């Protein structure tokens, strides 16, 4: 699963083409500091320090898909007003194609204004007037969707906030298009009547929305959610039901399996828009053909990032990738070392964030205490430790035809399992000089009694550090002791 997630984030997500249909809106934030109570009424006084606007509602789902790297187009309704023009600007800045957005004179763009004091929400003001999409608008949306399909489309998201754009007629038309084109239609639902979502590929309710649909409060317990979810999935002929459960993660209910995926441990600052983040990742991952367990885990990882931020926040692909790779490193059952290109990209991301990259290399044939101590000391010099590992062919040239004892994939796995090793990259040359020309680390570490001016590839590093080996430990001596023991046994 870890490897599948990495492949998706590194190689597949940027090719996904997604259409988002729904209630688009502008989220505005007014933030300041609160230090006194008003003399006019018993209310806090917020001294305004900043204002900002971001994409909200269905537009936030589109923003999350775009932040993941997908090609995104969107349709919804906005007015020819200040908030509408802000929405148009934000779409352009996010690289989202808003050519399908219907601009209606006399319509007020839906706007949510949140008042923040000391990073906490104090008040929310909603500016909206519910207007149902008429037949002319529905025809325009379907014509636009047909054009998007002809240009290439991998998934469709219906983001329903109950503001009138997702009518029962439009929802059913879009779901039928998905069936005909064999692409998934995922729905973020609203309200208690889900008949208009019948036949969708998947629906992503939170626990309250599932309870509303069932007409009774459902406890946040596995068995209760399974019972309700199975009933709802069958009633509305869904392929999947994905229930978001706050601190308990996400549950996926399909025809053949039910999966409970726990949430990441995370400090929560604001849950605004977290559901849109989950929807975006699920839609992209399922469109790429990922299994439901991998899709759920990716969505949980992204949601953990979203709730750690104040306000509506589209989670970026690199953030998800960093969190995905750092989480559960000891569970990398199918770990594979990085390619040179992957290592170069990863180093560039670290460098952009101002983080220090440490590089060391070796054969690490039989991992022993000396190796581990050395690697710990190397990792302590910076923020990230990248290990260059000699390939099997390289080890044979350096150590002789009987080496290595362990193959390169096994040696890479053992190194990657160490919590202070960020990743491993193979090289087939006798020295890592050529690899270092791609990585260009801040610190190049070498073990032994070398002088800094003798270290291969030093010209590509910020500086060279020489660390002493731990006395009494070596792979050669370990092999000799094993052989001596075997001879005595004979």
Protein backbone atom coordinates (compact mmCIF):
# COMPACT_ATOMS: atom_id res chain seq x y z
CA UNK A 1 0.00 0.00 0.00
CA UNK A 2 2.82 2.44 0.85
CA UNK A 3 4.44 1.86 -2.52
CA UNK A 4 1.12 2.21 -4.37
CA UNK A 5 0.52 5.54 -2.64
CA UNK A 6 3.98 6.79 -3.56
CA UNK A 7 3.51 5.80 -7.20
CA UNK A 8 0.16 7.59 -7.28
CA UNK A 9 1.52 10.81 -5.76
CA UNK A 10 4.74 10.85 -7.74
CA UNK A 11 3.65 9.63 -11.15
CA UNK A 12 -0.12 9.26 -11.63
CA UNK A 13 -2.01 12.10 -9.97
CA UNK A 14 -0.76 14.77 -12.39
CA UNK A 15 -2.43 12.93 -15.29
CA UNK A 16 -5.91 12.84 -13.70
CA UNK A 17 -8.58 15.00 -15.38
CA UNK A 18 -11.44 15.87 -13.05
CA UNK A 19 -14.71 17.76 -13.42
CA UNK A 20 -16.32 19.35 -10.36
CA UNK A 21 -20.01 20.29 -10.42
CA UNK A 22 -21.72 22.03 -7.52
CA UNK A 23 -22.30 24.99 -5.26
CA UNK A 24 -19.25 27.20 -5.66
CA UNK A 25 -18.67 29.96 -3.14
CA UNK A 26 -16.16 32.43 -1.79
CA UNK A 27 -14.76 31.92 1.71
CA UNK A 28 -13.57 35.17 3.28
CA UNK A 29 -11.56 35.41 6.48
CA UNK A 30 -11.24 38.46 8.72
CA UNK A 31 -8.60 37.86 11.37
CA UNK A 32 -7.43 39.93 14.27
CA UNK A 33 -6.69 40.04 17.97
CA UNK A 34 -9.11 40.14 20.87
CA UNK A 35 -8.00 41.96 24.01
CA UNK A 36 -11.12 43.58 25.44
CA UNK A 37 -14.91 43.49 25.73
CA UNK A 38 -17.02 46.14 24.04
CA UNK A 39 -18.43 48.83 26.36
CA UNK A 40 -21.56 48.87 24.18
CA UNK A 41 -22.52 45.21 24.67
CA UNK A 42 -21.00 42.08 26.32
CA UNK A 43 -19.18 41.03 23.16
CA UNK A 44 -15.45 40.77 22.36
CA UNK A 45 -13.83 43.47 20.24
CA UNK A 46 -11.78 42.08 17.35
CA UNK A 47 -9.03 44.43 16.19
CA UNK A 48 -8.83 43.50 12.50
CA UNK A 49 -5.32 42.80 11.25
CA UNK A 50 -5.82 40.96 7.95
CA UNK A 51 -8.41 39.85 5.40
CA UNK A 52 -8.17 37.11 2.78
CA UNK A 53 -10.39 35.17 0.40
CA UNK A 54 -10.15 31.54 -0.73
CA UNK A 55 -12.19 29.13 -2.84
CA UNK A 56 -15.05 27.57 -0.87
CA UNK A 57 -17.74 24.92 -1.21
CA UNK A 58 -17.47 22.97 -4.46
CA UNK A 59 -14.73 25.41 -5.48
CA UNK A 60 -12.64 24.17 -2.55
CA UNK A 61 -12.97 20.59 -3.81
CA UNK A 62 -11.71 21.84 -7.17
CA UNK A 63 -8.87 23.70 -5.42
CA UNK A 64 -7.82 20.54 -3.58
CA UNK A 65 -7.78 18.55 -6.81
CA UNK A 66 -5.69 21.26 -8.47
CA UNK A 67 -3.30 21.39 -5.50
CA UNK A 68 -2.77 17.64 -5.90
CA UNK A 69 -1.69 18.33 -9.48
CA UNK A 70 -4.84 17.21 -11.34
CA UNK A 71 -6.25 18.96 -14.41
CA UNK A 72 -9.48 20.45 -13.08
CA UNK A 73 -12.52 22.04 -14.67
CA UNK A 74 -15.49 23.36 -12.70
CA UNK A 75 -19.08 24.44 -13.19
CA UNK A 76 -21.41 26.18 -10.79
CA UNK A 77 -23.14 29.54 -10.52
CA UNK A 78 -21.79 32.92 -9.50
CA UNK A 79 -23.00 36.47 -9.71
CA UNK A 80 -21.52 39.43 -11.55
CA UNK A 81 -20.54 40.97 -8.22
CA UNK A 82 -17.44 41.57 -6.13
CA UNK A 83 -17.41 38.08 -4.60
CA UNK A 84 -17.98 36.57 -8.04
CA UNK A 85 -15.02 38.43 -9.49
CA UNK A 86 -12.88 37.33 -6.53
CA UNK A 87 -13.97 33.75 -7.26
CA UNK A 88 -12.96 34.14 -10.91
CA UNK A 89 -9.54 35.48 -9.91
CA UNK A 90 -8.96 32.66 -7.43
CA UNK A 91 -9.84 30.04 -10.06
CA UNK A 92 -7.28 31.57 -12.42
CA UNK A 93 -4.59 31.69 -9.72
CA UNK A 94 -5.22 28.01 -8.91
CA UNK A 95 -4.99 26.90 -12.55
CA UNK A 96 -8.63 25.76 -12.61
CA UNK A 97 -10.63 25.93 -15.84
CA UNK A 98 -13.80 27.86 -14.88
CA UNK A 99 -15.17 28.05 -18.42
CA UNK A 100 -18.22 26.08 -17.32
CA UNK A 101 -19.23 28.51 -14.57
CA UNK A 102 -22.61 30.17 -15.19
CA UNK A 103 -22.57 33.93 -14.50
CA UNK A 104 -26.06 35.19 -13.73
CA UNK A 105 -26.97 38.86 -13.40
CA UNK A 106 -28.87 39.68 -10.24
CA UNK A 107 -27.53 36.58 -8.49
CA UNK A 108 -25.40 37.11 -5.40
CA UNK A 109 -22.34 34.87 -5.20
CA UNK A 110 -22.54 32.64 -2.13
CA UNK A 111 -20.09 33.96 0.44
CA UNK A 112 -19.12 32.73 3.90
CA UNK A 113 -17.28 35.23 6.06
CA UNK A 114 -15.48 33.91 9.12
CA UNK A 115 -14.31 36.20 11.90
CA UNK A 116 -11.15 34.90 13.60
CA UNK A 117 -9.59 35.96 16.86
CA UNK A 118 -6.29 34.41 17.95
CA UNK A 119 -6.65 31.75 15.21
CA UNK A 120 -10.08 30.65 16.51
CA UNK A 121 -13.43 31.20 14.80
CA UNK A 122 -15.59 33.69 16.68
CA UNK A 123 -18.43 34.12 14.21
CA UNK A 124 -19.52 33.12 10.71
CA UNK A 125 -21.63 35.30 8.42
CA UNK A 126 -23.32 33.63 5.42
CA UNK A 127 -24.44 35.64 2.40
CA UNK A 128 -26.63 33.50 0.17
CA UNK A 129 -29.94 33.16 -1.58
CA UNK A 130 -31.02 29.70 -2.70
CA UNK A 131 -31.73 29.61 -6.44
CA UNK A 132 -32.59 26.34 -8.19
CA UNK A 133 -30.83 25.56 -11.45
CA UNK A 134 -33.38 25.88 -14.25
CA UNK A 135 -33.73 23.71 -17.38
CA UNK A 136 -31.65 26.12 -19.46
CA UNK A 137 -28.83 25.99 -16.92
CA UNK A 138 -29.02 22.18 -16.71
CA UNK A 139 -28.74 21.91 -20.49
CA UNK A 140 -25.71 24.21 -20.44
CA UNK A 141 -24.02 22.11 -17.74
CA UNK A 142 -24.61 18.85 -19.64
CA UNK A 143 -23.31 20.36 -22.89
CA UNK A 144 -20.21 21.57 -21.06
CA UNK A 145 -19.72 18.14 -19.47
CA UNK A 146 -19.99 16.43 -22.85
CA UNK A 147 -17.25 18.73 -24.20
CA UNK A 148 -15.04 17.95 -21.19
CA UNK A 149 -15.56 14.23 -21.75
CA UNK A 150 -14.60 14.49 -25.40
CA UNK A 151 -11.41 16.30 -24.35
CA UNK A 152 -10.67 13.55 -21.80
CA UNK A 153 -12.14 13.02 -18.36
CA UNK A 154 -11.28 10.53 -15.57
CA UNK A 155 -13.75 11.37 -12.80
CA UNK A 156 -16.68 13.62 -11.90
CA UNK A 157 -17.43 15.10 -8.48
CA UNK A 158 -20.89 16.33 -7.48
CA UNK A 159 -20.32 18.71 -4.57
CA UNK A 160 -23.77 19.41 -3.14
CA UNK A 161 -24.08 22.08 -0.45
CA UNK A 162 -27.86 22.29 -0.79
CA UNK A 163 -27.80 25.75 -2.37
CA UNK A 164 -29.83 24.77 -5.44
CA UNK A 165 -27.32 23.92 -8.16
CA UNK A 166 -27.41 20.13 -7.77
CA UNK A 167 -31.05 19.45 -8.59
CA UNK A 168 -32.37 15.87 -8.69
CA UNK A 169 -32.60 16.09 -12.48
CA UNK A 170 -29.01 17.29 -12.92
CA UNK A 171 -27.64 14.73 -10.45
CA UNK A 172 -29.30 11.83 -12.25
CA UNK A 173 -28.23 13.12 -15.68
CA UNK A 174 -24.59 13.34 -14.54
CA UNK A 175 -24.67 9.89 -12.90
CA UNK A 176 -26.07 8.40 -16.12
CA UNK A 177 -23.24 10.09 -18.05
CA UNK A 178 -20.72 8.51 -15.70
CA UNK A 179 -22.19 5.05 -16.27
CA UNK A 180 -22.23 5.57 -20.02
CA UNK A 181 -18.63 6.85 -20.11
CA UNK A 182 -17.42 4.34 -17.50
CA UNK A 183 -15.90 6.96 -15.22
CA UNK A 184 -16.65 7.29 -11.49
CA UNK A 185 -19.11 9.88 -10.21
CA UNK A 186 -18.54 10.67 -6.54
CA UNK A 187 -20.99 12.70 -4.48
CA UNK A 188 -20.53 14.89 -1.42
CA UNK A 189 -24.15 14.79 -0.21
CA UNK A 190 -26.49 17.21 1.52
CA UNK A 191 -29.84 16.69 3.21
CA UNK A 192 -31.73 13.57 4.19
CA UNK A 193 -33.17 12.58 0.81
CA UNK A 194 -30.48 10.82 -1.21
CA UNK A 195 -32.71 9.53 -4.01
CA UNK A 196 -31.15 11.98 -6.45
CA UNK A 197 -27.75 10.29 -5.87
CA UNK A 198 -29.03 6.81 -6.77
CA UNK A 199 -26.53 4.85 -8.84
CA UNK A 200 -23.48 6.99 -8.00
CA UNK A 201 -20.08 5.32 -7.83
CA UNK A 202 -19.60 6.57 -4.29
CA UNK A 203 -20.97 8.97 -1.68
CA UNK A 204 -18.85 10.59 1.06
CA UNK A 205 -21.12 11.58 3.99
CA UNK A 206 -19.89 12.48 7.42
CA UNK A 207 -21.49 10.74 10.39
CA UNK A 208 -24.16 13.42 10.86
CA UNK A 209 -25.13 13.28 7.18
CA UNK A 210 -25.42 9.50 7.35
CA UNK A 211 -27.58 9.84 10.46
CA UNK A 212 -29.82 12.38 8.68
CA UNK A 213 -30.23 10.00 5.76
CA UNK A 214 -31.18 7.14 8.08
CA UNK A 215 -33.49 9.28 10.20
CA UNK A 216 -31.76 8.33 13.46
CA UNK A 217 -28.57 9.21 15.33
CA UNK A 218 -25.82 6.69 14.59
CA UNK A 219 -23.06 6.28 17.19
CA UNK A 220 -19.49 6.57 16.00
CA UNK A 221 -18.89 2.84 16.38
CA UNK A 222 -17.77 0.33 13.75
CA UNK A 223 -20.71 -2.05 14.01
CA UNK A 224 -23.37 0.67 13.98
CA UNK A 225 -21.82 2.37 10.96
CA UNK A 226 -21.49 -0.95 9.14
CA UNK A 227 -25.18 -1.76 9.64
CA UNK A 228 -26.37 1.65 8.51
CA UNK A 229 -23.85 1.86 5.68
CA UNK A 230 -24.71 -1.52 4.17
CA UNK A 231 -28.40 -0.60 4.19
CA UNK A 232 -27.82 2.80 2.57
CA UNK A 233 -25.41 1.43 -0.05
CA UNK A 234 -27.92 -1.19 -1.15
CA UNK A 235 -30.90 1.17 -1.01
CA UNK A 236 -29.28 3.72 -3.35
CA UNK A 237 -27.39 1.20 -5.53
CA UNK A 238 -23.96 2.63 -4.76
CA UNK A 239 -20.67 0.91 -5.47
CA UNK A 240 -19.11 2.46 -2.35
CA UNK A 241 -20.13 4.43 0.70
CA UNK A 242 -17.29 6.36 2.37
CA UNK A 243 -18.19 7.59 5.86
CA UNK A 244 -15.91 10.23 7.40
CA UNK A 245 -15.79 9.79 11.18
CA UNK A 246 -13.73 12.68 12.59
CA UNK A 247 -11.07 11.33 14.96
CA UNK A 248 -11.94 7.73 14.03
CA UNK A 249 -11.00 8.17 10.38
CA UNK A 250 -12.95 6.86 7.39
CA UNK A 251 -14.98 3.70 6.79
CA UNK A 252 -15.41 2.30 3.29
CA UNK A 253 -18.38 0.03 2.64
CA UNK A 254 -18.37 -1.90 -0.62
CA UNK A 255 -20.13 -4.98 -1.93
CA UNK A 256 -17.30 -7.34 -0.95
CA UNK A 257 -15.45 -5.66 1.90
CA UNK A 258 -15.70 -3.11 4.68
CA UNK A 259 -12.56 -1.22 5.63
CA UNK A 260 -12.04 0.94 8.72
CA UNK A 261 -9.11 3.30 8.19
CA UNK A 262 -8.03 5.16 11.38
CA UNK A 263 -7.25 8.86 11.26
CA UNK A 264 -3.75 10.25 11.63
CA UNK A 265 -2.91 11.54 15.10
CA UNK A 266 -3.05 15.30 14.58
CA UNK A 267 -3.61 18.57 16.43
CA UNK A 268 -6.87 20.01 15.06
CA UNK A 269 -7.10 23.76 14.51
CA UNK A 270 -10.00 23.99 12.02
CA UNK A 271 -12.11 21.36 10.26
CA UNK A 272 -13.40 23.80 7.62
CA UNK A 273 -13.13 22.19 4.19
CA UNK A 274 -11.61 18.92 5.43
CA UNK A 275 -14.44 16.99 3.78
CA UNK A 276 -13.59 18.61 0.44
CA UNK A 277 -9.99 17.46 0.89
CA UNK A 278 -11.14 13.88 1.52
CA UNK A 279 -13.38 13.98 -1.54
CA UNK A 280 -10.62 15.32 -3.80
CA UNK A 281 -8.10 12.66 -2.79
CA UNK A 282 -10.62 9.82 -3.00
CA UNK A 283 -11.79 10.94 -6.44
CA UNK A 284 -8.26 11.26 -7.82
CA UNK A 285 -7.01 7.99 -6.30
CA UNK A 286 -10.02 5.95 -7.45
CA UNK A 287 -9.81 7.50 -10.92
CA UNK A 288 -6.18 6.33 -11.03
CA UNK A 289 -7.32 2.77 -10.26
CA UNK A 290 -6.06 2.63 -6.67
CA UNK A 291 -7.67 0.09 -4.35
CA UNK A 292 -10.07 1.46 -1.73
CA UNK A 293 -7.68 0.84 1.18
CA UNK A 294 -4.90 2.89 -0.44
CA UNK A 295 -7.39 5.61 -1.40
CA UNK A 296 -8.69 5.81 2.18
CA UNK A 297 -5.20 6.01 3.64
CA UNK A 298 -4.23 8.79 1.21
CA UNK A 299 -7.43 10.70 2.04
CA UNK A 300 -6.78 10.38 5.79
CA UNK A 301 -3.22 11.63 5.33
CA UNK A 302 -4.41 14.69 3.41
CA UNK A 303 -7.24 15.39 5.88
CA UNK A 304 -4.73 15.35 8.74
CA UNK A 305 -2.87 18.17 7.02
CA UNK A 306 -6.07 20.13 6.26
CA UNK A 307 -7.32 20.18 9.87
CA UNK A 308 -3.93 21.34 11.15
CA UNK A 309 -4.37 24.63 9.25
CA UNK A 310 -6.60 27.55 10.12
CA UNK A 311 -9.37 28.09 7.59
CA UNK A 312 -10.18 26.43 4.30
CA UNK A 313 -6.92 25.07 2.94
CA UNK A 314 -6.25 23.12 -0.30
CA UNK A 315 -3.64 20.51 0.57
CA UNK A 316 -0.74 20.32 -1.86
CA UNK A 317 0.61 17.15 -3.44
CA UNK A 318 4.10 17.59 -1.98
CA UNK A 319 2.64 17.97 1.51
CA UNK A 320 0.73 14.71 1.15
CA UNK A 321 3.80 13.00 -0.30
CA UNK A 322 6.03 14.15 2.56
CA UNK A 323 3.49 13.02 5.16
CA UNK A 324 2.91 9.73 3.36
CA UNK A 325 6.60 8.91 3.17
CA UNK A 326 7.34 9.87 6.78
CA UNK A 327 4.40 7.94 8.24
CA UNK A 328 4.85 4.34 9.31
CA UNK A 329 8.27 3.80 7.82
CA UNK A 330 8.58 0.49 9.70
CA UNK A 331 5.59 -0.79 7.71
CA UNK A 332 7.29 -0.55 4.31
CA UNK A 333 6.81 -4.21 3.47
CA UNK A 334 7.25 -3.59 -0.26
CA UNK A 335 9.84 -0.84 0.00
CA UNK A 336 11.91 -0.06 -3.06
CA UNK A 337 14.85 2.35 -3.15
CA UNK A 338 14.52 5.64 -4.99
CA UNK A 339 15.57 6.12 -8.57
CA UNK A 340 18.07 8.90 -9.17
CA UNK A 341 15.31 11.11 -10.59
CA UNK A 342 13.11 10.53 -7.54
CA UNK A 343 16.00 11.25 -5.18
CA UNK A 344 16.79 14.47 -7.04
CA UNK A 345 13.15 15.62 -6.84
CA UNK A 346 12.93 14.79 -3.15
CA UNK A 347 16.14 16.67 -2.39
CA UNK A 348 14.81 19.67 -4.32
CA UNK A 349 11.62 19.70 -2.21
CA UNK A 350 13.63 19.62 1.01
CA UNK A 351 15.92 22.33 -0.25
CA UNK A 352 12.98 24.59 -1.20
CA UNK A 353 11.78 24.39 2.41
CA UNK A 354 15.21 25.39 3.70
CA UNK A 355 15.91 21.97 5.22
CA UNK A 356 19.42 20.53 5.51
CA UNK A 357 20.20 17.43 3.43
CA UNK A 358 22.80 14.95 4.68
CA UNK A 359 24.16 12.25 2.37
CA UNK A 360 26.30 9.23 3.09
CA UNK A 361 26.97 6.02 1.24
CA UNK A 362 28.19 2.48 1.65
CA UNK A 363 27.59 -1.22 1.05
CA UNK A 364 25.90 -1.93 4.40
CA UNK A 365 25.98 -5.64 3.63
CA UNK A 366 25.30 -7.09 7.09
CA UNK A 367 23.82 -4.25 9.13
CA UNK A 368 25.46 -4.08 12.57
CA UNK A 369 25.75 -1.77 15.55
CA UNK A 370 28.64 0.13 14.01
CA UNK A 371 26.56 0.97 10.94
CA UNK A 372 23.58 2.08 13.01
CA UNK A 373 25.66 4.29 15.30
CA UNK A 374 27.37 5.89 12.31
CA UNK A 375 24.05 6.56 10.56
CA UNK A 376 22.57 8.04 13.75
CA UNK A 377 25.49 10.44 13.99
CA UNK A 378 25.18 11.37 10.33
CA UNK A 379 21.41 12.01 10.64
CA UNK A 380 21.99 14.28 13.63
CA UNK A 381 23.92 16.71 11.40
CA UNK A 382 20.84 17.85 9.45
CA UNK A 383 17.11 17.53 8.81
CA UNK A 384 17.14 14.64 6.32
CA UNK A 385 19.47 11.69 5.80
CA UNK A 386 19.66 10.17 2.32
CA UNK A 387 21.76 7.01 1.99
CA UNK A 388 23.49 6.04 -1.24
CA UNK A 389 23.70 2.23 -1.43
CA UNK A 390 26.15 0.33 -3.63
CA UNK A 391 24.38 -2.04 -6.02
CA UNK A 392 25.17 -5.75 -5.95
CA UNK A 393 27.45 -5.42 -9.00
CA UNK A 394 29.29 -2.53 -7.38
CA UNK A 395 29.79 -4.48 -4.14
CA UNK A 396 31.22 -7.46 -6.05
CA UNK A 397 33.78 -5.22 -7.73
CA UNK A 398 34.78 -3.64 -4.42
CA UNK A 399 34.57 -6.63 -2.06
CA UNK A 400 35.05 -9.71 -4.22
CA UNK A 401 32.88 -12.34 -5.93
CA UNK A 402 31.43 -13.76 -2.68
CA UNK A 403 29.88 -10.45 -1.69
CA UNK A 404 27.34 -9.13 -1.02
CA UNK A 405 25.83 -11.57 1.44
CA UNK A 406 22.47 -9.74 1.21
CA UNK A 407 21.02 -8.45 -2.04
CA UNK A 408 20.52 -4.76 -2.77
CA UNK A 409 16.73 -4.79 -2.21
CA UNK A 410 17.16 -6.45 1.19
CA UNK A 411 19.93 -4.06 2.18
CA UNK A 412 17.80 -1.08 1.10
CA UNK A 413 14.84 -2.40 3.09
CA UNK A 414 16.89 -2.72 6.26
CA UNK A 415 18.28 0.81 5.95
CA UNK A 416 14.87 2.35 5.18
CA UNK A 417 13.41 0.69 8.29
CA UNK A 418 15.69 2.84 10.48
CA UNK A 419 13.65 5.81 11.70
CA UNK A 420 16.49 8.29 11.16
CA UNK A 421 17.04 7.30 7.48
CA UNK A 422 14.72 9.26 5.22
CA UNK A 423 15.33 7.22 2.07
CA UNK A 424 17.77 5.09 0.11
CA UNK A 425 19.01 5.43 -3.47
CA UNK A 426 21.08 2.82 -5.37
CA UNK A 427 24.17 3.57 -7.44
CA UNK A 428 26.16 1.15 -9.59
CA UNK A 429 29.49 2.97 -9.81
CA UNK A 430 32.44 2.40 -7.48
CA UNK A 431 31.92 5.85 -5.94
CA UNK A 432 28.80 8.04 -5.63
CA UNK A 433 30.39 11.00 -7.44
CA UNK A 434 27.92 10.99 -10.36
CA UNK A 435 24.93 10.50 -8.03
CA UNK A 436 26.10 13.39 -5.87
CA UNK A 437 26.10 15.67 -8.91
CA UNK A 438 22.32 15.16 -8.96
CA UNK A 439 21.61 15.25 -5.21
CA UNK A 440 23.98 18.11 -4.24
CA UNK A 441 23.57 17.66 -0.46
CA UNK A 442 24.40 20.27 2.13
CA UNK A 443 26.58 17.81 4.05
CA UNK A 444 28.48 14.80 2.70
CA UNK A 445 29.41 12.34 5.43
CA UNK A 446 32.19 9.75 5.18
CA UNK A 447 33.24 7.23 7.80
CA UNK A 448 36.81 6.22 8.63
CA UNK A 449 40.16 7.97 8.58
CA UNK A 450 39.71 9.88 5.30
CA UNK A 451 40.71 13.49 4.82
CA UNK A 452 37.95 15.77 3.50
CA UNK A 453 39.89 16.48 0.30
CA UNK A 454 40.01 12.73 -0.48
CA UNK A 455 36.23 12.13 -0.47
CA UNK A 456 34.75 11.37 -3.88
CA UNK A 457 32.05 13.84 -4.95
CA UNK A 458 33.01 16.47 -2.38
CA UNK A 459 32.75 19.19 -5.04
CA UNK A 460 28.94 18.66 -5.16
CA UNK A 461 28.37 19.08 -1.42
CA UNK A 462 28.20 22.14 0.80
CA UNK A 463 30.74 20.61 3.17
CA UNK A 464 32.29 17.26 4.12
CA UNK A 465 32.13 15.69 7.58
CA UNK A 466 34.35 12.72 8.58
CA UNK A 467 32.92 10.46 11.29
CA UNK A 468 34.97 7.73 12.98
CA UNK A 469 33.83 4.12 12.70
CA UNK A 470 32.84 2.34 15.90
CA UNK A 471 35.70 0.08 17.01
CA UNK A 472 35.10 -3.66 17.03
CA UNK A 473 32.39 -3.77 14.38
CA UNK A 474 32.79 -4.63 10.69
CA UNK A 475 30.95 -6.75 8.14
CA UNK A 476 34.16 -8.62 7.23
CA UNK A 477 34.81 -9.59 10.87
CA UNK A 478 31.18 -10.67 11.27
CA UNK A 479 31.46 -12.96 8.24
CA UNK A 480 34.74 -14.40 9.56
CA UNK A 481 33.18 -15.17 12.96
CA UNK A 482 30.24 -16.91 11.28
CA UNK A 483 32.59 -19.03 9.18
CA UNK A 484 34.79 -19.90 12.18
CA UNK A 485 31.72 -20.93 14.14
CA UNK A 486 30.54 -23.10 11.26
CA UNK A 487 33.90 -24.83 10.97
CA UNK A 488 33.92 -25.60 14.72
CA UNK A 489 30.40 -27.07 14.48
CA UNK A 490 31.59 -29.41 11.72
